[in-house]
Amino acid sequence: MRYIKKQVFDSLEEVKEAFGDNGIIPITEMKQVIFYISRYLIQPVWICPSETNHGKMAYYFIKAETKKPYEEWMKSRPVKNTKKY
């Protein structure tokens, strides 16, 4: 088994420099974040207020680590109630 040493970063720019702009993915859905952490034991490399979803936090994960968790999330994620009255 291969282990990757996790780094400690001081800014989102450092994270982007280490993994590339396309190498990280921000997730703002808390249920999805909890799913990734609890089921797959992967940790975000950076956490900060979201640049696009005002009032939410963005959890940045290494994109390569999220492929399988994302596929499972899409199969089992909670369905939002979209009924219009």
Protein backbone atom coordinates (compact mmCIF):
# COMPACT_ATOMS: atom_id res chain seq x y z
CA MET A 1 0.00 0.00 0.00
CA ARG A 2 1.30 3.45 -0.90
CA TYR A 3 0.96 6.32 1.58
CA ILE A 4 1.01 9.95 0.60
CA LYS A 5 2.37 12.32 3.21
CA LYS A 6 -0.14 15.09 3.84
CA GLN A 7 1.16 18.63 3.83
CA VAL A 8 0.09 21.57 5.93
CA PHE A 9 -0.80 24.60 3.82
CA ASP A 10 -0.99 28.27 4.74
CA SER A 11 -3.34 29.40 1.95
CA LEU A 12 -5.62 28.19 -0.80
CA GLU A 13 -3.05 29.47 -3.29
CA GLU A 14 -0.49 27.05 -1.83
CA VAL A 15 -2.98 24.20 -2.19
CA LYS A 16 -3.60 25.14 -5.83
CA GLU A 17 0.14 25.37 -6.43
CA ALA A 18 0.68 21.89 -4.97
CA PHE A 19 -2.22 20.11 -6.72
CA GLY A 20 -3.09 22.45 -9.62
CA ASP A 21 -6.35 24.29 -10.21
CA ASN A 22 -7.91 21.13 -11.64
CA GLY A 23 -6.41 18.88 -8.96
CA ILE A 24 -8.70 20.02 -6.15
CA ILE A 25 -12.44 20.23 -5.89
CA PRO A 26 -14.50 22.39 -3.50
CA ILE A 27 -17.54 20.78 -1.89
CA THR A 28 -20.07 22.94 -0.05
CA GLU A 29 -22.77 20.33 0.65
CA MET A 30 -22.22 19.32 4.29
CA LYS A 31 -23.92 15.91 3.89
CA GLN A 32 -21.52 15.11 1.05
CA VAL A 33 -18.51 16.25 3.10
CA ILE A 34 -19.58 14.05 6.03
CA PHE A 35 -20.13 11.12 3.62
CA TYR A 36 -16.60 11.46 2.22
CA ILE A 37 -14.98 11.74 5.64
CA SER A 38 -16.97 9.04 7.43
CA ARG A 39 -17.19 6.42 4.65
CA TYR A 40 -13.89 6.90 2.86
CA LEU A 41 -11.75 8.53 5.56
CA ILE A 42 -10.50 11.23 3.21
CA GLN A 43 -9.87 14.67 4.63
CA PRO A 44 -10.14 18.07 2.96
CA VAL A 45 -6.81 19.78 2.31
CA TRP A 46 -8.27 23.26 2.81
CA ILE A 47 -11.41 24.75 4.35
CA CYS A 48 -12.57 28.33 3.88
CA PRO A 49 -15.74 30.35 3.18
CA SER A 50 -17.11 29.51 -0.25
CA GLU A 51 -16.38 32.00 -3.01
CA THR A 52 -19.60 31.11 -4.87
CA ASN A 53 -22.11 29.91 -2.24
CA HIS A 54 -22.50 32.82 0.17
CA GLY A 55 -22.87 31.69 3.78
CA LYS A 56 -21.41 28.21 3.19
CA MET A 57 -17.99 26.74 3.81
CA ALA A 58 -15.98 25.17 0.99
CA TYR A 59 -14.12 21.97 1.77
CA TYR A 60 -11.37 21.39 -0.79
CA PHE A 61 -10.57 17.73 -1.50
CA ILE A 62 -7.89 16.25 -3.75
CA LYS A 63 -9.80 15.40 -6.90
CA ALA A 64 -8.05 12.05 -7.46
CA GLU A 65 -9.21 10.87 -4.02
CA THR A 66 -12.86 11.71 -4.68
CA LYS A 67 -13.63 9.61 -7.77
CA LYS A 68 -15.02 6.54 -6.00
CA PRO A 69 -16.64 8.51 -3.14
CA TYR A 70 -18.36 10.74 -5.72
CA GLU A 71 -19.75 7.76 -7.64
CA GLU A 72 -21.14 6.28 -4.40
CA TRP A 73 -22.49 9.67 -3.33
CA MET A 74 -24.39 10.03 -6.60
CA LYS A 75 -26.00 6.60 -6.05
CA SER A 76 -26.99 7.12 -2.43
CA ARG A 77 -27.32 10.86 -1.85
CA PRO A 78 -30.48 12.20 -0.26
CA VAL A 79 -33.05 13.47 -2.75
CA LYS A 80 -34.07 17.08 -2.25
CA ASN A 81 -37.77 17.82 -1.99
CA THR A 82 -38.50 19.79 -5.16
CA LYS A 83 -42.29 19.79 -5.02
CA LYS A 84 -43.89 23.08 -5.94
CA TYR A 85 -47.21 23.99 -4.46
